[in-house]
Protein backbone atom coordinates (compact mmCIF):
# COMPACT_ATOMS: atom_id res chain seq x y z
CA UNK A 1 13.59 -13.31 -26.94
CA UNK A 2 13.63 -16.38 -24.71
CA UNK A 3 17.42 -16.73 -25.17
CA UNK A 4 18.18 -13.16 -24.77
CA UNK A 5 19.54 -12.29 -21.25
CA UNK A 6 17.34 -9.71 -19.70
CA UNK A 7 18.97 -7.93 -16.76
CA UNK A 8 18.11 -5.61 -13.94
CA UNK A 9 21.65 -4.50 -13.26
CA UNK A 10 23.57 -1.35 -12.62
CA UNK A 11 21.12 1.30 -13.68
CA UNK A 12 17.52 1.77 -14.81
CA UNK A 13 15.98 -0.86 -16.95
CA UNK A 14 12.49 -0.46 -18.50
CA UNK A 15 10.89 -3.84 -19.27
CA UNK A 16 9.08 -4.38 -22.37
CA UNK A 17 5.99 -5.17 -20.46
CA UNK A 18 6.28 -1.91 -18.52
CA UNK A 19 6.48 -0.01 -21.84
CA UNK A 20 3.32 -1.57 -22.82
CA UNK A 21 1.83 -0.38 -19.59
CA UNK A 22 3.00 3.15 -20.27
CA UNK A 23 1.51 3.03 -23.82
CA UNK A 24 -1.93 1.85 -22.54
CA UNK A 25 -2.15 4.22 -19.52
CA UNK A 26 -0.84 7.39 -18.20
CA UNK A 27 1.74 5.61 -16.08
CA UNK A 28 0.79 7.36 -12.79
CA UNK A 29 1.36 6.55 -9.28
CA UNK A 30 -0.05 3.63 -7.35
CA UNK A 31 -0.93 4.34 -3.68
CA UNK A 32 0.18 1.41 -1.60
CA UNK A 33 -2.75 1.89 0.91
CA UNK A 34 -3.31 -1.59 -0.79
CA UNK A 35 -0.47 -3.72 0.73
CA UNK A 36 -2.51 -3.08 3.65
CA UNK A 37 -6.04 -2.06 3.01
CA UNK A 38 -5.54 1.24 4.86
CA UNK A 39 -6.70 4.56 3.76
CA UNK A 40 -6.15 6.83 6.67
CA UNK A 41 -5.26 6.31 10.36
CA UNK A 42 -5.86 7.69 13.67
CA UNK A 43 -7.15 11.07 14.40
CA UNK A 44 -5.00 12.27 17.26
CA UNK A 45 -5.90 15.40 19.16
CA UNK A 46 -4.61 18.31 17.05
CA UNK A 47 -3.03 20.41 19.91
CA UNK A 48 -1.31 17.31 21.43
CA UNK A 49 0.25 16.16 18.06
CA UNK A 50 1.07 19.73 17.03
CA UNK A 51 2.84 20.63 20.29
CA UNK A 52 4.04 17.35 21.50
CA UNK A 53 7.66 16.44 22.53
CA UNK A 54 9.26 16.72 19.15
CA UNK A 55 12.27 18.89 19.26
CA UNK A 56 11.96 22.11 17.38
CA UNK A 57 14.15 22.68 14.33
CA UNK A 58 16.21 25.79 14.48
CA UNK A 59 16.03 28.23 11.64
CA UNK A 60 18.69 27.35 9.15
CA UNK A 61 19.05 23.74 10.46
CA UNK A 62 19.73 21.48 7.36
CA UNK A 63 20.40 18.33 9.27
CA UNK A 64 16.74 17.55 10.58
CA UNK A 65 13.77 16.63 8.35
CA UNK A 66 10.19 17.08 9.65
CA UNK A 67 7.54 14.98 7.87
CA UNK A 68 3.83 15.27 8.48
CA UNK A 69 1.79 12.09 8.54
CA UNK A 70 -2.09 11.68 9.18
CA UNK A 71 -1.67 7.95 9.70
CA UNK A 72 0.07 6.22 12.56
CA UNK A 73 2.42 3.33 11.59
CA UNK A 74 0.67 0.00 12.61
CA UNK A 75 3.72 -2.34 12.49
CA UNK A 76 7.52 -2.31 12.50
CA UNK A 77 7.38 -6.11 11.61
CA UNK A 78 8.79 -6.69 8.16
CA UNK A 79 6.66 -9.80 7.72
CA UNK A 80 3.39 -8.28 8.74
CA UNK A 81 2.44 -4.84 7.28
CA UNK A 82 -1.35 -4.35 7.23
CA UNK A 83 -1.14 -0.61 6.86
CA UNK A 84 0.55 1.62 4.40
CA UNK A 85 1.89 3.92 7.08
CA UNK A 86 3.92 0.98 8.66
CA UNK A 87 5.32 -0.11 5.34
CA UNK A 88 6.28 3.50 4.44
CA UNK A 89 8.07 4.01 7.68
CA UNK A 90 9.81 0.53 7.34
CA UNK A 91 11.25 1.58 3.97
CA UNK A 92 13.40 4.08 5.76
CA UNK A 93 15.33 1.29 7.51
CA UNK A 94 14.67 -1.94 5.68
CA UNK A 95 15.71 -2.41 1.96
CA UNK A 96 14.11 -4.34 -0.69
CA UNK A 97 15.89 -6.02 -3.58
CA UNK A 98 14.77 -3.60 -6.12
CA UNK A 99 13.45 -0.05 -5.96
CA UNK A 100 10.98 1.70 -8.36
CA UNK A 101 11.76 5.26 -9.10
CA UNK A 102 8.77 5.33 -11.45
CA UNK A 103 5.70 3.22 -12.21
CA UNK A 104 7.58 1.74 -15.24
CA UNK A 105 11.17 1.26 -13.98
CA UNK A 106 13.14 -0.90 -11.56
CA UNK A 107 16.63 -0.29 -10.30
CA UNK A 108 18.88 -2.35 -7.91
CA UNK A 109 18.17 -1.91 -4.24
CA UNK A 110 19.94 -4.60 -2.31
CA UNK A 111 20.42 -6.77 -5.37
CA UNK A 112 20.23 -7.18 -9.08
CA UNK A 113 18.04 -9.62 -10.98
CA UNK A 114 18.99 -11.66 -14.07
CA UNK A 115 16.93 -14.03 -16.12
CA UNK A 116 17.10 -15.83 -19.55
CA UNK A 117 13.57 -17.22 -19.35
CA UNK A 118 11.31 -15.40 -16.93
CA UNK A 119 11.21 -18.44 -14.83
CA UNK A 120 14.61 -18.76 -13.17
CA UNK A 121 16.01 -15.50 -11.71
CA UNK A 122 19.53 -15.05 -10.28
CA UNK A 123 19.69 -12.59 -7.54
CA UNK A 124 22.97 -11.05 -6.72
CA UNK A 125 23.31 -9.16 -3.43
CA UNK A 126 25.29 -5.88 -3.46
CA UNK A 127 28.84 -6.84 -2.14
CA UNK A 128 28.91 -3.58 -0.03
CA UNK A 129 25.49 -4.26 1.55
CA UNK A 130 25.79 -4.75 5.31
CA UNK A 131 23.56 -4.62 8.34
CA UNK A 132 24.03 -1.85 10.76
CA UNK A 133 25.61 -4.39 13.28
CA UNK A 134 28.40 -5.01 10.88
CA UNK A 135 27.19 -8.33 9.44
CA UNK A 136 26.98 -8.61 5.73
CA UNK A 137 23.49 -8.71 3.91
CA UNK A 138 23.49 -12.25 2.24
CA UNK A 139 21.51 -14.53 0.05
CA UNK A 140 20.68 -16.44 3.28
CA UNK A 141 18.81 -13.36 4.54
CA UNK A 142 16.73 -13.23 1.31
CA UNK A 143 15.96 -17.03 1.47
CA UNK A 144 15.19 -16.76 5.09
CA UNK A 145 12.73 -13.82 4.39
CA UNK A 146 10.98 -15.54 1.64
CA UNK A 147 10.69 -18.82 3.52
CA UNK A 148 9.36 -17.10 6.64
CA UNK A 149 6.70 -15.35 4.60
CA UNK A 150 5.67 -18.73 3.11
CA UNK A 151 5.59 -20.53 6.57
CA UNK A 152 2.12 -21.52 7.41
CA UNK A 153 2.47 -20.56 10.99
CA UNK A 154 3.69 -16.97 10.41
CA UNK A 155 1.43 -14.07 10.64
CA UNK A 156 2.13 -12.12 7.39
CA UNK A 157 0.37 -9.93 4.77
CA UNK A 158 2.81 -10.72 2.04
CA UNK A 159 1.70 -13.89 0.73
CA UNK A 160 0.94 -12.53 -2.74
CA UNK A 161 4.69 -11.82 -2.94
CA UNK A 162 5.80 -15.51 -2.54
CA UNK A 163 2.80 -16.99 -4.41
CA UNK A 164 4.69 -17.23 -7.77
CA UNK A 165 7.64 -19.03 -6.39
CA UNK A 166 7.87 -22.82 -6.89
CA UNK A 167 6.88 -24.74 -3.96
CA UNK A 168 4.23 -22.36 -2.77
CA UNK A 169 0.41 -22.42 -3.15
CA UNK A 170 -1.65 -19.52 -4.61
CA UNK A 171 -1.80 -17.83 -1.03
CA UNK A 172 2.10 -17.98 -1.02
CA UNK A 173 2.18 -20.76 1.66
CA UNK A 174 4.81 -23.41 1.18
CA UNK A 175 3.76 -26.89 0.07
CA UNK A 176 2.44 -29.16 2.77
CA UNK A 177 5.08 -31.37 4.26
CA UNK A 178 8.05 -29.13 3.21
CA UNK A 179 10.32 -26.98 5.34
CA UNK A 180 11.49 -24.59 2.57
CA UNK A 181 10.29 -23.25 -0.81
CA UNK A 182 11.66 -25.54 -3.46
CA UNK A 183 12.05 -22.48 -5.78
CA UNK A 184 14.58 -20.78 -3.65
CA UNK A 185 18.17 -22.02 -3.74
CA UNK A 186 21.21 -20.20 -2.20
CA UNK A 187 24.27 -20.52 -4.47
CA UNK A 188 26.69 -18.70 -2.23
CA UNK A 189 26.79 -15.86 0.41
CA UNK A 190 25.85 -13.35 -2.16
CA UNK A 191 23.90 -15.18 -4.81
CA UNK A 192 20.68 -17.14 -4.97
CA UNK A 193 18.10 -18.30 -7.59
CA UNK A 194 14.39 -17.87 -7.45
CA UNK A 195 12.41 -20.18 -9.70
CA UNK A 196 8.72 -19.89 -10.42
CA UNK A 197 6.37 -22.69 -11.37
CA UNK A 198 6.08 -21.16 -14.91
CA UNK A 199 7.34 -18.25 -16.66
CA UNK A 200 5.80 -14.92 -15.20
CA UNK A 201 5.56 -11.32 -16.36
CA UNK A 202 8.85 -9.63 -15.44
CA UNK A 203 7.10 -6.56 -14.02
CA UNK A 204 4.90 -8.69 -11.79
CA UNK A 205 7.69 -10.50 -9.93
CA UNK A 206 9.91 -7.36 -9.91
CA UNK A 207 7.19 -5.42 -8.22
CA UNK A 208 5.63 -8.06 -5.95
CA UNK A 209 8.81 -9.83 -4.82
CA UNK A 210 11.60 -7.45 -5.76
CA UNK A 211 10.02 -4.36 -4.42
CA UNK A 212 7.23 -5.31 -2.09
CA UNK A 213 9.37 -7.73 0.16
CA UNK A 214 11.64 -5.99 2.75
CA UNK A 215 14.53 -8.26 3.51
CA UNK A 216 14.84 -9.04 7.30
CA UNK A 217 18.18 -10.09 9.04
CA UNK A 218 18.20 -13.93 9.62
CA UNK A 219 20.68 -13.52 12.45
CA UNK A 220 18.11 -11.46 14.35
CA UNK A 221 14.81 -13.17 13.49
CA UNK A 222 16.15 -16.69 12.87
CA UNK A 223 16.15 -17.93 16.33
CA UNK A 224 12.57 -16.59 17.05
CA UNK A 225 9.77 -19.00 16.57
CA UNK A 226 7.61 -17.71 13.74
CA UNK A 227 4.46 -17.56 15.89
CA UNK A 228 6.31 -15.44 18.41
CA UNK A 229 7.77 -12.89 15.77
CA UNK A 230 4.80 -10.43 16.17
CA UNK A 231 5.47 -9.69 19.84
CA UNK A 232 9.15 -10.10 19.73
CA UNK A 233 11.54 -7.26 20.48
CA UNK A 234 12.93 -7.54 17.00
CA UNK A 235 9.46 -6.82 15.39
CA UNK A 236 8.30 -4.12 17.98
CA UNK A 237 11.55 -2.34 18.66
CA UNK A 238 13.87 -3.06 15.63
CA UNK A 239 17.57 -2.46 16.18
CA UNK A 240 19.48 -3.81 13.02
CA UNK A 241 18.85 -2.44 9.64
CA UNK A 242 20.02 -2.37 5.98
CA UNK A 243 18.34 0.92 4.85
CA UNK A 244 19.42 4.46 4.67
CA UNK A 245 18.08 5.16 8.22
CA UNK A 246 17.97 3.55 11.51
CA UNK A 247 14.93 3.33 13.84
CA UNK A 248 15.45 5.33 17.11
CA UNK A 249 12.04 5.48 18.88
CA UNK A 250 8.28 5.69 18.39
CA UNK A 251 6.46 8.04 20.75
CA UNK A 252 3.01 6.52 20.12
CA UNK A 253 0.77 8.60 18.02
CA UNK A 254 3.21 11.46 18.26
CA UNK A 255 6.30 10.80 16.09
CA UNK A 256 8.85 8.16 14.81
CA UNK A 257 12.42 9.30 15.05
CA UNK A 258 15.11 8.05 12.65
CA UNK A 259 18.74 8.67 12.27
CA UNK A 260 21.13 8.37 9.38
CA UNK A 261 22.93 5.01 8.73
CA UNK A 262 26.43 6.39 7.97
CA UNK A 263 27.50 2.96 6.40
CA UNK A 264 24.52 2.69 3.99
CA UNK A 265 25.76 0.89 0.90
CA UNK A 266 24.23 3.22 -1.48
CA UNK A 267 25.77 6.23 0.10
CA UNK A 268 25.47 7.91 3.61
CA UNK A 269 22.28 10.24 3.94
CA UNK A 270 22.78 13.82 3.94
CA UNK A 271 20.06 14.65 6.32
CA UNK A 272 20.92 13.14 9.76
CA UNK A 273 17.72 13.04 11.56
CA UNK A 274 14.22 12.46 10.48
CA UNK A 275 11.02 13.04 12.55
CA UNK A 276 7.79 11.56 10.98
CA UNK A 277 5.09 13.49 12.94
CA UNK A 278 1.58 12.10 13.31
CA UNK A 279 -1.39 14.56 13.31
CA UNK A 280 -4.70 15.03 11.83
CA UNK A 281 -5.36 16.95 8.58
CA UNK A 282 -6.14 20.25 10.24
CA UNK A 283 -2.86 20.15 12.32
CA UNK A 284 -1.08 19.39 9.17
CA UNK A 285 -2.17 22.58 7.53
CA UNK A 286 -1.52 24.53 10.70
CA UNK A 287 2.04 23.15 11.04
CA UNK A 288 2.90 24.00 7.42
CA UNK A 289 1.64 27.57 7.99
CA UNK A 290 3.69 27.76 11.18
CA UNK A 291 6.83 26.58 9.23
CA UNK A 292 7.18 23.45 11.40
CA UNK A 293 7.06 20.85 8.59
CA UNK A 294 9.29 20.23 5.52
CA UNK A 295 6.95 17.85 3.63
CA UNK A 296 3.84 15.73 3.90
CA UNK A 297 4.10 11.97 3.50
CA UNK A 298 1.55 11.85 0.89
CA UNK A 299 -0.30 8.85 -0.37
CA UNK A 300 -2.84 7.62 2.20
CA UNK A 301 -0.74 8.55 5.11
CA UNK A 302 0.15 12.25 4.89
CA UNK A 303 -3.37 13.41 3.59
CA UNK A 304 -3.95 17.11 3.15
CA UNK A 305 -7.90 17.49 3.09
CA UNK A 306 -8.61 18.32 -0.51
CA UNK A 307 -10.71 21.08 0.60
CA UNK A 308 -7.76 22.75 2.24
CA UNK A 309 -5.21 22.41 -0.58
CA UNK A 310 -5.72 26.04 -1.59
CA UNK A 311 -4.47 27.11 1.88
CA UNK A 312 -1.22 25.43 1.17
CA UNK A 313 -0.94 26.64 -2.26
CA UNK A 314 -1.11 30.27 -0.97
CA UNK A 315 1.95 29.70 1.35
CA UNK A 316 5.16 31.07 -0.01
CA UNK A 317 8.13 28.68 -0.29
CA UNK A 318 5.78 25.76 -0.42
CA UNK A 319 5.56 23.56 -3.49
CA UNK A 320 2.29 21.75 -3.91
CA UNK A 321 1.75 19.17 -6.86
CA UNK A 322 -1.34 17.16 -7.84
CA UNK A 323 -1.07 13.65 -9.03
CA UNK A 324 -3.65 10.94 -10.21
CA UNK A 325 -3.69 7.91 -8.09
CA UNK A 326 -3.92 4.06 -8.47
CA UNK A 327 -5.66 3.85 -5.09
CA UNK A 328 -9.30 3.77 -4.29
CA UNK A 329 -11.87 4.21 -1.51
CA UNK A 330 -14.45 1.47 -0.97
CA UNK A 331 -17.46 0.60 1.00
CA UNK A 332 -16.45 -2.84 2.16
CA UNK A 333 -19.18 -5.44 2.95
CA UNK A 334 -19.21 -8.32 5.27
CA UNK A 335 -19.98 -10.99 2.69
CA UNK A 336 -20.74 -13.57 5.32
CA UNK A 337 -23.53 -11.47 6.80
CA UNK A 338 -24.65 -9.92 3.48
CA UNK A 339 -24.45 -12.96 1.07
CA UNK A 340 -26.85 -12.00 -1.59
CA UNK A 341 -25.23 -10.12 -4.56
CA UNK A 342 -28.54 -8.33 -5.41
CA UNK A 343 -28.42 -6.66 -1.95
CA UNK A 344 -24.97 -5.54 -2.34
CA UNK A 345 -25.63 -4.18 -5.79
CA UNK A 346 -28.67 -2.35 -4.32
CA UNK A 347 -26.12 -0.47 -2.18
CA UNK A 348 -24.26 0.67 -5.05
CA UNK A 349 -27.26 2.07 -6.82
CA UNK A 350 -28.20 3.87 -3.59
CA UNK A 351 -25.10 5.91 -3.44
CA UNK A 352 -24.67 9.26 -5.31
CA UNK A 353 -21.07 8.79 -5.98
CA UNK A 354 -20.73 11.59 -8.55
CA UNK A 355 -21.89 14.01 -5.95
CA UNK A 356 -19.06 12.79 -3.69
CA UNK A 357 -16.49 13.48 -6.24
CA UNK A 358 -17.96 16.80 -7.33
CA UNK A 359 -18.65 18.27 -3.94
CA UNK A 360 -16.33 16.54 -1.47
CA UNK A 361 -13.45 16.23 -3.72
CA UNK A 362 -14.03 19.41 -5.69
CA UNK A 363 -13.81 17.38 -8.87
CA UNK A 364 -10.37 16.21 -8.00
CA UNK A 365 -11.02 12.50 -8.41
CA UNK A 366 -13.15 10.02 -10.23
CA UNK A 367 -15.96 7.56 -9.56
CA UNK A 368 -14.80 4.06 -9.70
CA UNK A 369 -16.38 1.11 -11.61
CA UNK A 370 -14.15 -1.40 -10.07
CA UNK A 371 -10.80 -1.63 -8.21
CA UNK A 372 -8.89 -0.11 -11.10
CA UNK A 373 -8.73 3.73 -11.55
CA UNK A 374 -8.05 5.46 -14.78
CA UNK A 375 -4.36 5.58 -13.90
CA UNK A 376 -4.15 1.72 -14.34
CA UNK A 377 -3.60 0.46 -17.79
CA UNK A 378 -5.64 -2.56 -16.76
CA UNK A 379 -8.85 -0.62 -16.24
CA UNK A 380 -11.52 -1.80 -18.57
CA UNK A 381 -12.65 1.46 -20.07
CA UNK A 382 -16.02 -0.25 -21.43
CA UNK A 383 -17.20 -0.81 -17.80
CA UNK A 384 -19.05 2.14 -16.44
CA UNK A 385 -19.96 2.60 -12.67
CA UNK A 386 -23.50 1.54 -11.66
CA UNK A 387 -25.57 4.88 -11.79
CA UNK A 388 -27.22 6.62 -8.86
CA UNK A 389 -30.64 5.16 -8.88
CA UNK A 390 -32.45 4.98 -5.55
CA UNK A 391 -35.56 3.44 -7.06
CA UNK A 392 -33.62 0.58 -8.59
CA UNK A 393 -31.94 0.14 -5.18
CA UNK A 394 -35.25 -0.15 -3.28
CA UNK A 395 -36.61 -2.59 -5.94
CA UNK A 396 -33.57 -4.89 -5.66
CA UNK A 397 -33.90 -5.05 -1.87
CA UNK A 398 -37.49 -5.74 -1.94
CA UNK A 399 -37.02 -8.58 -4.47
CA UNK A 400 -34.23 -9.92 -2.33
CA UNK A 401 -36.40 -10.00 0.71
CA UNK A 402 -34.14 -7.72 2.61
CA UNK A 403 -34.77 -7.23 6.32
CA UNK A 404 -35.51 -3.46 6.62
CA UNK A 405 -36.19 -3.84 10.34
CA UNK A 406 -32.63 -4.82 11.37
CA UNK A 407 -30.06 -1.95 11.24
CA UNK A 408 -26.72 -2.32 9.41
CA UNK A 409 -23.58 -1.73 11.57
CA UNK A 410 -21.68 0.91 9.63
CA UNK A 411 -18.10 1.64 10.60
CA UNK A 412 -16.26 4.75 9.45
CA UNK A 413 -12.61 5.22 10.35
CA UNK A 414 -11.48 8.71 11.55
CA UNK A 415 -8.51 10.69 10.06
CA UNK A 416 -9.60 11.19 6.56
CA UNK A 417 -11.93 14.22 6.49
CA UNK A 418 -13.47 13.45 3.03
CA UNK A 419 -14.14 9.85 3.95
CA UNK A 420 -15.64 10.85 7.24
CA UNK A 421 -18.06 13.25 5.27
CA UNK A 422 -18.69 10.66 2.72
CA UNK A 423 -19.85 8.30 5.66
CA UNK A 424 -22.47 10.68 6.61
CA UNK A 425 -23.76 10.98 3.02
CA UNK A 426 -23.82 7.24 2.71
CA UNK A 427 -25.78 6.89 6.03
CA UNK A 428 -28.27 9.54 4.65
CA UNK A 429 -28.66 7.72 1.19
CA UNK A 430 -29.18 4.32 2.75
CA UNK A 431 -31.70 5.75 5.04
CA UNK A 432 -33.51 7.30 2.07
CA UNK A 433 -34.13 3.80 0.73
CA UNK A 434 -35.45 2.58 3.93
CA UNK A 435 -32.36 0.94 5.19
CA UNK A 436 -31.68 1.62 8.96
CA UNK A 437 -27.98 2.36 9.75
CA UNK A 438 -25.97 2.48 13.03
CA UNK A 439 -22.99 4.56 12.17
CA UNK A 440 -19.96 4.35 14.43
CA UNK A 441 -16.45 5.82 14.11
CA UNK A 442 -13.15 4.42 15.35
CA UNK A 443 -9.49 5.11 14.76
CA UNK A 444 -8.10 3.05 12.03
CA UNK A 445 -6.22 0.38 13.96
CA UNK A 446 -9.35 -0.38 15.82
CA UNK A 447 -11.42 -0.58 12.64
CA UNK A 448 -8.84 -2.71 11.01
CA UNK A 449 -9.05 -5.07 13.88
CA UNK A 450 -12.85 -5.14 13.67
CA UNK A 451 -12.62 -5.64 9.97
CA UNK A 452 -10.33 -8.75 10.43
CA UNK A 453 -12.78 -10.21 12.89
CA UNK A 454 -15.73 -9.50 10.49
CA UNK A 455 -17.26 -7.53 13.32
CA UNK A 456 -19.30 -5.13 11.06
CA UNK A 457 -21.92 -5.06 8.30
CA UNK A 458 -20.58 -2.39 6.09
CA UNK A 459 -17.48 0.04 6.46
CA UNK A 460 -15.35 2.34 4.61
CA UNK A 461 -11.72 1.51 3.76
CA UNK A 462 -8.98 2.72 1.31
CA UNK A 463 -7.11 0.25 -0.75
CA UNK A 464 -3.91 1.22 -2.41
CA UNK A 465 -2.87 -0.61 -5.60
CA UNK A 466 0.27 -1.58 -7.26
CA UNK A 467 1.03 -0.87 -10.93
CA UNK A 468 0.66 -4.62 -11.37
CA UNK A 469 -2.99 -5.38 -11.43
CA UNK A 470 -2.81 -8.33 -8.91
CA UNK A 471 -5.34 -7.66 -6.14
CA UNK A 472 -5.22 -11.05 -4.67
CA UNK A 473 -4.43 -9.81 -1.10
CA UNK A 474 -7.76 -8.12 -0.92
CA UNK A 475 -10.12 -10.49 -2.80
CA UNK A 476 -8.73 -13.89 -2.84
CA UNK A 477 -10.08 -16.54 -0.38
CA UNK A 478 -8.11 -16.53 2.87
CA UNK A 479 -5.64 -13.63 2.07
CA UNK A 480 -4.53 -11.44 4.96
CA UNK A 481 -6.25 -8.31 3.82
CA UNK A 482 -9.45 -9.99 2.61
CA UNK A 483 -11.55 -8.38 5.44
CA UNK A 484 -14.97 -9.21 3.81
CA UNK A 485 -15.28 -12.92 4.38
CA UNK A 486 -15.05 -13.07 0.71
CA UNK A 487 -14.77 -16.66 -0.81
CA UNK A 488 -15.61 -16.64 -4.49
CA UNK A 489 -14.27 -19.58 -6.72
CA UNK A 490 -14.65 -17.48 -9.84
CA UNK A 491 -12.57 -14.63 -8.43
CA UNK A 492 -9.92 -17.12 -7.09
CA UNK A 493 -9.66 -18.78 -10.52
CA UNK A 494 -9.35 -15.31 -12.37
CA UNK A 495 -6.82 -14.11 -9.86
CA UNK A 496 -4.62 -17.45 -10.55
CA UNK A 497 -5.07 -16.99 -14.23
CA UNK A 498 -3.90 -13.36 -14.05
CA UNK A 499 -0.86 -14.21 -12.01
CA UNK A 500 0.07 -16.87 -14.58
CA UNK A 501 0.02 -14.51 -17.48
CA UNK A 502 3.44 -13.49 -18.88
CA UNK A 503 2.53 -10.18 -20.62
CA UNK A 504 0.01 -7.35 -20.78
CA UNK A 505 -1.81 -8.74 -23.88
CA UNK A 506 -2.34 -12.10 -22.28
CA UNK A 507 -3.41 -10.67 -18.80
CA UNK A 508 -5.59 -7.83 -19.64
CA UNK A 509 -8.63 -9.83 -20.88
CA UNK A 510 -8.53 -11.83 -17.55
CA UNK A 511 -8.57 -8.62 -15.42
CA UNK A 512 -11.32 -7.18 -17.61
CA UNK A 513 -13.40 -10.32 -16.83
CA UNK A 514 -12.52 -9.95 -13.14
CA UNK A 515 -13.74 -6.30 -13.11
CA UNK A 516 -17.03 -7.37 -14.72
CA UNK A 517 -17.47 -10.23 -12.13
CA UNK A 518 -16.69 -7.84 -9.28
CA UNK A 519 -19.45 -5.52 -10.56
CA UNK A 520 -21.94 -8.36 -10.98
CA UNK A 521 -21.17 -9.80 -7.50
CA UNK A 522 -20.50 -6.49 -5.75
CA UNK A 523 -18.53 -7.91 -2.85
CA UNK A 524 -17.32 -4.30 -2.15
CA UNK A 525 -18.77 -1.09 -3.63
CA UNK A 526 -16.20 0.96 -5.23
CA UNK A 527 -16.47 4.71 -4.38
CA UNK A 528 -13.83 6.96 -5.65
CA UNK A 529 -10.22 7.60 -6.40
CA UNK A 530 -8.91 10.90 -5.21
CA UNK A 531 -6.01 12.83 -6.51
CA UNK A 532 -2.75 12.68 -4.53
CA UNK A 533 -0.89 15.84 -3.44
CA UNK A 534 2.87 16.01 -2.73
CA UNK A 535 3.74 19.06 -0.52
CA UNK A 536 7.28 20.14 0.43
CA UNK A 537 9.23 23.32 1.19
CA UNK A 538 11.23 24.55 -1.76
CA UNK A 539 14.53 24.13 0.01
CA UNK A 540 13.98 20.41 0.31
CA UNK A 541 15.61 18.69 -2.64
CA UNK A 542 13.62 15.30 -2.37
CA UNK A 543 10.36 14.38 -1.01
CA UNK A 544 7.26 12.77 -2.50
CA UNK A 545 7.47 11.92 -6.31
CA UNK A 546 4.67 11.36 -8.77
CA UNK A 547 5.09 7.67 -8.24
CA UNK A 548 4.31 7.82 -4.49
CA UNK A 549 5.08 4.21 -3.70
CA UNK A 550 8.65 4.52 -4.84
CA UNK A 551 9.32 8.00 -3.53
CA UNK A 552 11.90 6.90 -1.02
CA UNK A 553 14.19 5.24 -3.65
CA UNK A 554 16.65 8.12 -3.43
CA UNK A 555 16.12 8.85 0.26
CA UNK A 556 19.84 8.93 0.98
CA UNK A 557 20.33 11.75 -1.57
CA UNK A 558 17.77 14.23 -0.11
CA UNK A 559 19.07 17.54 1.07
CA UNK A 560 17.89 20.54 2.73
CA UNK A 561 19.43 23.80 1.67
CA UNK A 562 19.26 26.81 3.99
CA UNK A 563 17.64 29.78 2.40
CA UNK A 564 19.50 32.35 4.74
């Protein structure tokens, strides 16, 4: 096989490793709440968001698409995407090298990949791919994007996407004393090679680098100091794009307006205008009932409260589908403040997670034993969640000398009704074992800022997970989405071993060991993985797919057909 040319070119290619994934799991959808660590966002006022300044769509209008979101986008910066909502919106106007129609397939986006040894990859940019200002998309843009992500001075959440490239460390930062990644070489305007330190799993590099990285225009960002990118106009009010749509405006906490890119290299979009409207879950239901929305964004950013799904299922002309998810909800723990794993395990024993799934989710979900749900082929089925045992929890706390007199600062983000209700239950369960809790609620961007500053004791957060099992961005020392102050050499070692594996059989035992270690140390308490729901009107040919993260791969082909 080492001498057989393996290609990602001109159509769907299913990798051998991806076939193994499908055989070992159900091949369901990951929810990219992970890229960021976001589960739900702000909770804007229902009336304001439902009746804001968004133009109304006239009956029979097939040129304008209305999308409901419950998460406000937190970033338009292609190098810094801490929240899933920002990433999702950016995919409308920035392309990746590859797209993922399903959890097991990759197709060309901006480019094709070729490799003979799973170590050196030739990337060929589509000759028709241009930026919206007329400049061609080139190999220099790709090299610039990767080198910027690897710059030690840049603010980025994408280090795991460059960590496999030769010349980068395990955090994706280029080697000290170098100006560029040694593993990235531009051959000509439309061709470059990417070389890894050692052979890698084809599915891993295709997802983390090919799909997760959105290519930025060098001629726009190249003259900006990397430390100045976050506050630059290019990052906050982008104007040059390679994707199916162009950013028009963001009416904060109300809507994002997008318009079609008529020169998109994969074909001009049929729908001319898109409004991604931001509202809470209750307003989402109301707007569907009123006929003011065509679809929900799904995933962690267009969340219909599970208890309200039946209301949508009763609406004529609305298609509601339920899918399992790779994502998870967690009680994150500030490991710098709560450093004793026995105390952290006690918290897990104190929580009746089965009750959460049965009562709050109506059984539409599962209790997690680790960061891998049953959708993931890397889930260790032999590892069971710690049971609900408040007596054991109290015993562990007493043995650890826990300070019962000092309250824990417990943060619950707003916007996800089930999570908010679960926060109240967690407060109750901890109180029942003698732990005093100060519960506070904040919108998600505020909570994310607090988490990054480690300004909390415990909190609730959703992580989305990729098909590939690499969770370095959350748990590896120093990673951007490691908001727990977690620094565990054993975790770091297992993460590096897992990334170095070249196929499923080699990698699975490593991730099984990681799952056991996470349960033993309990740096986070895994709570539940809830089903994801795709909602759309039946006249929309498009919308959210079973593989949520890749749902926008055919965005330019979506159509609205009038039912008049």
